[in-house]
């Protein structure tokens, strides 16, 4: 259940584009054609699926405060968390270089269409954001970290695929002159973000039940306190 909840939450509720607006440069620049958007989206999914678990391992066994206890008790006091950015970016850059080599070898047309934006995945905010969110949310297991990486990539993929499909259609629409290009793209992105906000109620059932239980407990405590106060007042009157 935890994996399913994290999967859907990362795609629809905490979508990298529509919730945090990370990776907007590539999202706007490479979303003119669906084919190009699919290629870049697939590359982002792959990079996130690899780098988030790898960075989870680095964080748990190397960077966190006390992570080096596996080397011996004398290393328990070391805290290398200040190296998180450097280590995360190094991991991401390595995997992006691998993706670039593979795409250039097996899909040269896609490689040419993506242009400079394929190597720029290394500095894509969404890629680094996935690892930093994984760290800040204290994801517990390697499996959940892999799940989070894949689902975050799928969310970014769906966002760029949707806007690319819309932009291909509105190319032949009667858009007012001042709004053509990035203007109408920003407006559509904002409307899509509002639409994705409606998914926020998908996974709140447990929270509502928990809140209801807490409210009931508080009411019972207040009733007991009132009864105690009444009893004290009656005792004082009797005396």
C-alpha atoms as a PDB file:
ATOM      1  CA  UNK A   1       0.000   0.000   0.000  1.00  0.00           C
ATOM      2  CA  UNK A   2       2.874   2.366   0.784  1.00  0.00           C
ATOM      3  CA  UNK A   3       4.383   1.797  -2.672  1.00  0.00           C
ATOM      4  CA  UNK A   4       1.042   2.415  -4.416  1.00  0.00           C
ATOM      5  CA  UNK A   5       0.409   5.584  -2.430  1.00  0.00           C
ATOM      6  CA  UNK A   6       3.895   6.947  -3.160  1.00  0.00           C
ATOM      7  CA  UNK A   7       3.542   6.044  -6.858  1.00  0.00           C
ATOM      8  CA  UNK A   8       0.279   7.898  -7.452  1.00  0.00           C
ATOM      9  CA  UNK A   9       1.187  10.778  -5.158  1.00  0.00           C
ATOM     10  CA  UNK A  10       4.463  11.428  -7.011  1.00  0.00           C
ATOM     11  CA  UNK A  11       2.744  11.375 -10.407  1.00  0.00           C
ATOM     12  CA  UNK A  12      -0.420  13.352  -9.776  1.00  0.00           C
ATOM     13  CA  UNK A  13      -0.173  15.269  -6.497  1.00  0.00           C
ATOM     14  CA  UNK A  14       3.548  16.119  -6.199  1.00  0.00           C
ATOM     15  CA  UNK A  15       4.136  16.335  -9.951  1.00  0.00           C
ATOM     16  CA  UNK A  16       7.545  17.871 -10.638  1.00  0.00           C
ATOM     17  CA  UNK A  17       6.171  20.298 -13.230  1.00  0.00           C
ATOM     18  CA  UNK A  18       2.745  21.227 -11.919  1.00  0.00           C
ATOM     19  CA  UNK A  19       3.407  21.151  -8.153  1.00  0.00           C
ATOM     20  CA  UNK A  20       6.987  22.446  -7.869  1.00  0.00           C
ATOM     21  CA  UNK A  21       7.665  23.786 -11.414  1.00  0.00           C
ATOM     22  CA  UNK A  22      11.014  22.001 -11.648  1.00  0.00           C
ATOM     23  CA  UNK A  23      12.556  21.293 -15.044  1.00  0.00           C
ATOM     24  CA  UNK A  24      10.652  24.083 -16.789  1.00  0.00           C
ATOM     25  CA  UNK A  25      13.480  24.961 -19.216  1.00  0.00           C
ATOM     26  CA  UNK A  26      13.445  21.589 -20.959  1.00  0.00           C
ATOM     27  CA  UNK A  27       9.661  21.379 -20.553  1.00  0.00           C
ATOM     28  CA  UNK A  28       9.145  24.582 -22.537  1.00  0.00           C
ATOM     29  CA  UNK A  29      11.945  24.167 -25.072  1.00  0.00           C
ATOM     30  CA  UNK A  30      11.488  20.519 -26.119  1.00  0.00           C
ATOM     31  CA  UNK A  31       7.679  20.336 -26.082  1.00  0.00           C
ATOM     32  CA  UNK A  32       7.025  21.563 -29.615  1.00  0.00           C
ATOM     33  CA  UNK A  33       6.717  18.021 -31.021  1.00  0.00           C
ATOM     34  CA  UNK A  34       5.309  14.902 -29.386  1.00  0.00           C
ATOM     35  CA  UNK A  35       8.078  12.640 -30.713  1.00  0.00           C
ATOM     36  CA  UNK A  36      10.804  14.812 -29.206  1.00  0.00           C
ATOM     37  CA  UNK A  37       8.893  15.140 -25.923  1.00  0.00           C
ATOM     38  CA  UNK A  38       8.541  11.355 -25.681  1.00  0.00           C
ATOM     39  CA  UNK A  39      12.288  10.862 -26.184  1.00  0.00           C
ATOM     40  CA  UNK A  40      13.277  13.416 -23.565  1.00  0.00           C
ATOM     41  CA  UNK A  41      10.595  12.181 -21.140  1.00  0.00           C
ATOM     42  CA  UNK A  42      11.855   8.598 -21.462  1.00  0.00           C
ATOM     43  CA  UNK A  43      15.418   9.794 -20.813  1.00  0.00           C
ATOM     44  CA  UNK A  44      14.263  11.674 -17.692  1.00  0.00           C
ATOM     45  CA  UNK A  45      12.442   8.566 -16.390  1.00  0.00           C
ATOM     46  CA  UNK A  46      15.568   6.460 -16.892  1.00  0.00           C
ATOM     47  CA  UNK A  47      17.886   8.973 -15.232  1.00  0.00           C
ATOM     48  CA  UNK A  48      15.574   9.453 -12.234  1.00  0.00           C
ATOM     49  CA  UNK A  49      15.042   5.698 -11.882  1.00  0.00           C
ATOM     50  CA  UNK A  50      18.809   5.176 -11.614  1.00  0.00           C
ATOM     51  CA  UNK A  51      20.032   8.288  -9.799  1.00  0.00           C
ATOM     52  CA  UNK A  52      17.452   8.457  -6.990  1.00  0.00           C
ATOM     53  CA  UNK A  53      18.223   4.913  -5.667  1.00  0.00           C
ATOM     54  CA  UNK A  54      21.968   5.468  -6.125  1.00  0.00           C
ATOM     55  CA  UNK A  55      21.813   8.751  -4.246  1.00  0.00           C
ATOM     56  CA  UNK A  56      19.700   7.055  -1.557  1.00  0.00           C
ATOM     57  CA  UNK A  57      22.515   4.557  -1.033  1.00  0.00           C
ATOM     58  CA  UNK A  58      25.059   7.381  -0.908  1.00  0.00           C
ATOM     59  CA  UNK A  59      22.936   9.283   1.581  1.00  0.00           C
ATOM     60  CA  UNK A  60      22.259   6.321   3.883  1.00  0.00           C
ATOM     61  CA  UNK A  61      25.707   4.719   3.863  1.00  0.00           C
ATOM     62  CA  UNK A  62      27.983   7.713   3.359  1.00  0.00           C
ATOM     63  CA  UNK A  63      26.528  11.201   3.760  1.00  0.00           C
ATOM     64  CA  UNK A  64      24.059  11.207   6.669  1.00  0.00           C
ATOM     65  CA  UNK A  65      25.095  11.991  10.201  1.00  0.00           C
ATOM     66  CA  UNK A  66      26.362   8.697  11.610  1.00  0.00           C
ATOM     67  CA  UNK A  67      26.107   6.897   8.256  1.00  0.00           C
ATOM     68  CA  UNK A  68      29.699   5.653   8.500  1.00  0.00           C
ATOM     69  CA  UNK A  69      29.026   3.442  11.517  1.00  0.00           C
ATOM     70  CA  UNK A  70      29.345   0.421   9.220  1.00  0.00           C
ATOM     71  CA  UNK A  71      33.088   1.221   9.074  1.00  0.00           C
ATOM     72  CA  UNK A  72      33.368   1.089  12.849  1.00  0.00           C
ATOM     73  CA  UNK A  73      32.129   2.893  15.973  1.00  0.00           C
ATOM     74  CA  UNK A  74      34.941   5.443  15.741  1.00  0.00           C
ATOM     75  CA  UNK A  75      33.382   6.812  12.511  1.00  0.00           C
ATOM     76  CA  UNK A  76      29.892   7.314  13.981  1.00  0.00           C
ATOM     77  CA  UNK A  77      30.528  10.988  14.737  1.00  0.00           C
ATOM     78  CA  UNK A  78      31.291  11.958  11.148  1.00  0.00           C
ATOM     79  CA  UNK A  79      28.686  13.944   9.197  1.00  0.00           C
ATOM     80  CA  UNK A  80      29.337  14.310   5.452  1.00  0.00           C
ATOM     81  CA  UNK A  81      25.947  15.766   4.556  1.00  0.00           C
ATOM     82  CA  UNK A  82      27.646  18.959   3.329  1.00  0.00           C
ATOM     83  CA  UNK A  83      28.850  16.889   0.338  1.00  0.00           C
ATOM     84  CA  UNK A  84      25.302  15.977  -0.726  1.00  0.00           C
ATOM     85  CA  UNK A  85      25.072  18.432  -3.628  1.00  0.00           C
ATOM     86  CA  UNK A  86      28.458  17.477  -5.050  1.00  0.00           C
ATOM     87  CA  UNK A  87      27.881  13.733  -4.762  1.00  0.00           C
ATOM     88  CA  UNK A  88      24.321  13.888  -6.116  1.00  0.00           C
ATOM     89  CA  UNK A  89      25.320  16.001  -9.112  1.00  0.00           C
ATOM     90  CA  UNK A  90      28.305  13.727  -9.849  1.00  0.00           C
ATOM     91  CA  UNK A  91      26.001  10.688  -9.893  1.00  0.00           C
ATOM     92  CA  UNK A  92      23.478  12.481 -12.115  1.00  0.00           C
ATOM     93  CA  UNK A  93      26.152  13.702 -14.550  1.00  0.00           C
ATOM     94  CA  UNK A  94      27.548  10.167 -14.887  1.00  0.00           C
ATOM     95  CA  UNK A  95      24.149   8.671 -15.704  1.00  0.00           C
ATOM     96  CA  UNK A  96      23.264  11.473 -18.134  1.00  0.00           C
ATOM     97  CA  UNK A  97      26.536  10.868 -19.957  1.00  0.00           C
ATOM     98  CA  UNK A  98      25.594   7.191 -20.250  1.00  0.00           C
ATOM     99  CA  UNK A  99      22.131   8.084 -21.606  1.00  0.00           C
ATOM    100  CA  UNK A 100      23.664  10.482 -24.121  1.00  0.00           C
ATOM    101  CA  UNK A 101      26.037   7.811 -25.412  1.00  0.00           C
ATOM    102  CA  UNK A 102      23.222   5.253 -25.753  1.00  0.00           C
ATOM    103  CA  UNK A 103      20.834   7.668 -27.509  1.00  0.00           C
ATOM    104  CA  UNK A 104      23.537   8.846 -29.909  1.00  0.00           C
ATOM    105  CA  UNK A 105      24.402   5.238 -30.769  1.00  0.00           C
ATOM    106  CA  UNK A 106      20.918   3.763 -31.219  1.00  0.00           C
ATOM    107  CA  UNK A 107      18.704   6.804 -32.029  1.00  0.00           C
ATOM    108  CA  UNK A 108      20.791   9.443 -33.850  1.00  0.00           C
ATOM    109  CA  UNK A 109      17.677  11.225 -35.176  1.00  0.00           C
ATOM    110  CA  UNK A 110      16.333  11.669 -31.635  1.00  0.00           C
ATOM    111  CA  UNK A 111      19.802  12.727 -30.479  1.00  0.00           C
ATOM    112  CA  UNK A 112      19.913  15.457 -33.117  1.00  0.00           C
ATOM    113  CA  UNK A 113      16.370  16.639 -32.367  1.00  0.00           C
ATOM    114  CA  UNK A 114      17.043  16.899 -28.623  1.00  0.00           C
ATOM    115  CA  UNK A 115      20.241  18.827 -29.266  1.00  0.00           C
ATOM    116  CA  UNK A 116      21.794  20.552 -26.273  1.00  0.00           C
ATOM    117  CA  UNK A 117      18.879  19.641 -24.004  1.00  0.00           C
ATOM    118  CA  UNK A 118      19.952  15.994 -23.675  1.00  0.00           C
ATOM    119  CA  UNK A 119      23.269  16.748 -21.907  1.00  0.00           C
ATOM    120  CA  UNK A 120      21.468  19.530 -20.006  1.00  0.00           C
ATOM    121  CA  UNK A 121      19.480  16.843 -18.170  1.00  0.00           C
ATOM    122  CA  UNK A 122      22.509  16.798 -15.864  1.00  0.00           C
ATOM    123  CA  UNK A 123      21.526  20.249 -14.597  1.00  0.00           C
ATOM    124  CA  UNK A 124      17.778  19.727 -14.914  1.00  0.00           C
ATOM    125  CA  UNK A 125      16.130  20.932 -11.695  1.00  0.00           C
ATOM    126  CA  UNK A 126      13.725  17.977 -11.727  1.00  0.00           C
ATOM    127  CA  UNK A 127      16.575  15.432 -11.673  1.00  0.00           C
ATOM    128  CA  UNK A 128      18.398  17.030  -8.748  1.00  0.00           C
ATOM    129  CA  UNK A 129      15.063  17.811  -7.092  1.00  0.00           C
ATOM    130  CA  UNK A 130      14.157  14.113  -7.106  1.00  0.00           C
ATOM    131  CA  UNK A 131      17.251  13.245  -5.080  1.00  0.00           C
ATOM    132  CA  UNK A 132      16.876  16.199  -2.724  1.00  0.00           C
ATOM    133  CA  UNK A 133      13.189  15.473  -2.101  1.00  0.00           C
ATOM    134  CA  UNK A 134      14.110  11.839  -1.469  1.00  0.00           C
ATOM    135  CA  UNK A 135      16.596  13.024   1.143  1.00  0.00           C
ATOM    136  CA  UNK A 136      14.332  15.606   2.803  1.00  0.00           C
ATOM    137  CA  UNK A 137      11.337  13.253   2.972  1.00  0.00           C
ATOM    138  CA  UNK A 138      13.532  10.579   4.561  1.00  0.00           C
ATOM    139  CA  UNK A 139      12.415   7.726   2.313  1.00  0.00           C
ATOM    140  CA  UNK A 140      13.053   4.579   4.297  1.00  0.00           C
ATOM    141  CA  UNK A 141      14.001   1.826   1.827  1.00  0.00           C
ATOM    142  CA  UNK A 142      15.805   1.378  -1.470  1.00  0.00           C
ATOM    143  CA  UNK A 143      12.611   0.017  -3.043  1.00  0.00           C
ATOM    144  CA  UNK A 144      10.676   3.156  -2.101  1.00  0.00           C
ATOM    145  CA  UNK A 145      13.515   5.303  -3.456  1.00  0.00           C
ATOM    146  CA  UNK A 146      13.359   3.448  -6.788  1.00  0.00           C
ATOM    147  CA  UNK A 147       9.567   3.792  -6.773  1.00  0.00           C
ATOM    148  CA  UNK A 148       9.848   7.519  -6.119  1.00  0.00           C
ATOM    149  CA  UNK A 149      12.392   7.993  -8.905  1.00  0.00           C
ATOM    150  CA  UNK A 150      10.308   6.117 -11.482  1.00  0.00           C
ATOM    151  CA  UNK A 151       7.007   7.730 -10.502  1.00  0.00           C
ATOM    152  CA  UNK A 152       8.512  11.239 -10.458  1.00  0.00           C
ATOM    153  CA  UNK A 153       9.922  10.597 -13.927  1.00  0.00           C
ATOM    154  CA  UNK A 154       6.550   9.352 -15.168  1.00  0.00           C
ATOM    155  CA  UNK A 155       4.894  12.484 -13.789  1.00  0.00           C
ATOM    156  CA  UNK A 156       7.387  14.700 -15.649  1.00  0.00           C
ATOM    157  CA  UNK A 157       6.938  12.561 -18.783  1.00  0.00           C
ATOM    158  CA  UNK A 158       3.136  12.944 -18.693  1.00  0.00           C
ATOM    159  CA  UNK A 159       3.461  16.702 -18.221  1.00  0.00           C
ATOM    160  CA  UNK A 160       5.750  17.261 -21.210  1.00  0.00           C
ATOM    161  CA  UNK A 161       3.781  14.797 -23.352  1.00  0.00           C
ATOM    162  CA  UNK A 162       0.510  16.581 -22.586  1.00  0.00           C
ATOM    163  CA  UNK A 163       1.831  20.058 -23.347  1.00  0.00           C
ATOM    164  CA  UNK A 164       3.528  18.817 -26.552  1.00  0.00           C
ATOM    165  CA  UNK A 165       0.262  17.309 -27.798  1.00  0.00           C
ATOM    166  CA  UNK A 166      -1.599  20.530 -27.004  1.00  0.00           C
ATOM    167  CA  UNK A 167       1.051  22.720 -28.657  1.00  0.00           C
ATOM    168  CA  UNK A 168       0.862  20.652 -31.835  1.00  0.00           C
ATOM    169  CA  UNK A 169      -2.894  21.256 -31.939  1.00  0.00           C
ATOM    170  CA  UNK A 170      -2.895  24.966 -31.115  1.00  0.00           C
ATOM    171  CA  UNK A 171      -0.327  25.574 -33.843  1.00  0.00           C
ATOM    172  CA  UNK A 172      -3.285  25.545 -36.241  1.00  0.00           C
ATOM    173  CA  UNK A 173      -5.639  27.410 -33.889  1.00  0.00           C
ATOM    174  CA  UNK A 174      -6.550  31.072 -33.973  1.00  0.00           C
ATOM    175  CA  UNK A 175      -4.452  32.202 -30.999  1.00  0.00           C
ATOM    176  CA  UNK A 176      -4.264  35.986 -30.430  1.00  0.00           C
ATOM    177  CA  UNK A 177      -0.975  37.399 -31.681  1.00  0.00           C
ATOM    178  CA  UNK A 178       0.465  38.573 -28.323  1.00  0.00           C
ATOM    179  CA  UNK A 179      -0.154  35.132 -26.782  1.00  0.00           C
ATOM    180  CA  UNK A 180       1.423  32.988 -29.486  1.00  0.00           C
ATOM    181  CA  UNK A 181       4.419  30.886 -28.507  1.00  0.00           C
ATOM    182  CA  UNK A 182       5.412  30.857 -24.860  1.00  0.00           C
ATOM    183  CA  UNK A 183       2.518  33.099 -23.795  1.00  0.00           C
ATOM    184  CA  UNK A 184      -0.229  30.573 -24.495  1.00  0.00           C
ATOM    185  CA  UNK A 185       2.075  27.763 -23.295  1.00  0.00           C
ATOM    186  CA  UNK A 186       2.389  29.380 -19.860  1.00  0.00           C
ATOM    187  CA  UNK A 187      -1.381  29.875 -19.668  1.00  0.00           C
ATOM    188  CA  UNK A 188      -2.046  26.230 -20.577  1.00  0.00           C
ATOM    189  CA  UNK A 189       0.586  25.071 -18.065  1.00  0.00           C
ATOM    190  CA  UNK A 190      -1.108  27.087 -15.332  1.00  0.00           C
ATOM    191  CA  UNK A 191      -4.515  25.623 -16.201  1.00  0.00           C
ATOM    192  CA  UNK A 192      -3.059  22.097 -16.231  1.00  0.00           C
ATOM    193  CA  UNK A 193      -1.450  22.746 -12.836  1.00  0.00           C
ATOM    194  CA  UNK A 194      -4.842  23.791 -11.461  1.00  0.00           C
ATOM    195  CA  UNK A 195      -6.333  20.614 -12.920  1.00  0.00           C
ATOM    196  CA  UNK A 196      -3.675  18.462 -11.266  1.00  0.00           C
ATOM    197  CA  UNK A 197      -4.420  20.145  -7.933  1.00  0.00           C
ATOM    198  CA  UNK A 198      -7.771  18.337  -7.992  1.00  0.00           C
ATOM    199  CA  UNK A 199      -5.887  15.073  -7.461  1.00  0.00           C
ATOM    200  CA  UNK A 200      -4.872  16.345  -4.017  1.00  0.00           C
ATOM    201  CA  UNK A 201      -7.916  14.698  -2.455  1.00  0.00           C
ATOM    202  CA  UNK A 202      -7.067  11.220  -3.769  1.00  0.00           C
ATOM    203  CA  UNK A 203      -5.011  10.075  -0.794  1.00  0.00           C
ATOM    204  CA  UNK A 204      -6.458  12.130   2.052  1.00  0.00           C
ATOM    205  CA  UNK A 205      -8.996   9.570   3.261  1.00  0.00           C
ATOM    206  CA  UNK A 206      -6.664   8.197   5.924  1.00  0.00           C
ATOM    207  CA  UNK A 207      -5.785  11.699   7.087  1.00  0.00           C
ATOM    208  CA  UNK A 208      -9.464  12.595   7.451  1.00  0.00           C
ATOM    209  CA  UNK A 209     -10.157   9.451   9.453  1.00  0.00           C
ATOM    210  CA  UNK A 210      -7.186  10.148  11.683  1.00  0.00           C
ATOM    211  CA  UNK A 211      -8.326  13.753  12.188  1.00  0.00           C
ATOM    212  CA  UNK A 212     -11.840  12.528  13.059  1.00  0.00           C
ATOM    213  CA  UNK A 213     -10.452  10.103  15.627  1.00  0.00           C
ATOM    214  CA  UNK A 214      -8.314  12.856  17.182  1.00  0.00           C
ATOM    215  CA  UNK A 215     -11.336  15.168  17.348  1.00  0.00           C
ATOM    216  CA  UNK A 216     -13.398  12.456  19.076  1.00  0.00           C
ATOM    217  CA  UNK A 217     -10.640  11.855  21.632  1.00  0.00           C
ATOM    218  CA  UNK A 218     -10.348  15.587  22.339  1.00  0.00           C
ATOM    219  CA  UNK A 219     -14.116  15.842  22.816  1.00  0.00           C
ATOM    220  CA  UNK A 220     -14.071  12.923  25.282  1.00  0.00           C
ATOM    221  CA  UNK A 221     -11.257  14.579  27.240  1.00  0.00           C
ATOM    222  CA  UNK A 222     -13.164  17.860  27.357  1.00  0.00           C
ATOM    223  CA  UNK A 223     -16.324  16.057  28.582  1.00  0.00           C
ATOM    224  CA  UNK A 224     -14.336  14.353  31.334  1.00  0.00           C
ATOM    225  CA  UNK A 225     -12.753  17.666  32.351  1.00  0.00           C
ATOM    226  CA  UNK A 226     -16.190  19.297  32.479  1.00  0.00           C
ATOM    227  CA  UNK A 227     -17.492  16.448  34.645  1.00  0.00           C
ATOM    228  CA  UNK A 228     -14.555  16.841  37.014  1.00  0.00           C
ATOM    229  CA  UNK A 229     -15.154  20.587  37.284  1.00  0.00           C
ATOM    230  CA  UNK A 230     -18.850  20.041  38.018  1.00  0.00           C
ATOM    231  CA  UNK A 231     -17.994  17.467  40.689  1.00  0.00           C
ATOM    232  CA  UNK A 232     -15.535  19.890  42.329  1.00  0.00           C
ATOM    233  CA  UNK A 233     -18.099  22.684  42.330  1.00  0.00           C
ATOM    234  CA  UNK A 234     -20.732  20.433  43.902  1.00  0.00           C
ATOM    235  CA  UNK A 235     -18.245  19.355  46.581  1.00  0.00           C
ATOM    236  CA  UNK A 236     -17.417  22.957  47.410  1.00  0.00           C
ATOM    237  CA  UNK A 237     -21.112  23.878  47.635  1.00  0.00           C
ATOM    238  CA  UNK A 238     -21.792  20.912  49.966  1.00  0.00           C
ATOM    239  CA  UNK A 239     -18.963  21.921  52.282  1.00  0.00           C
END
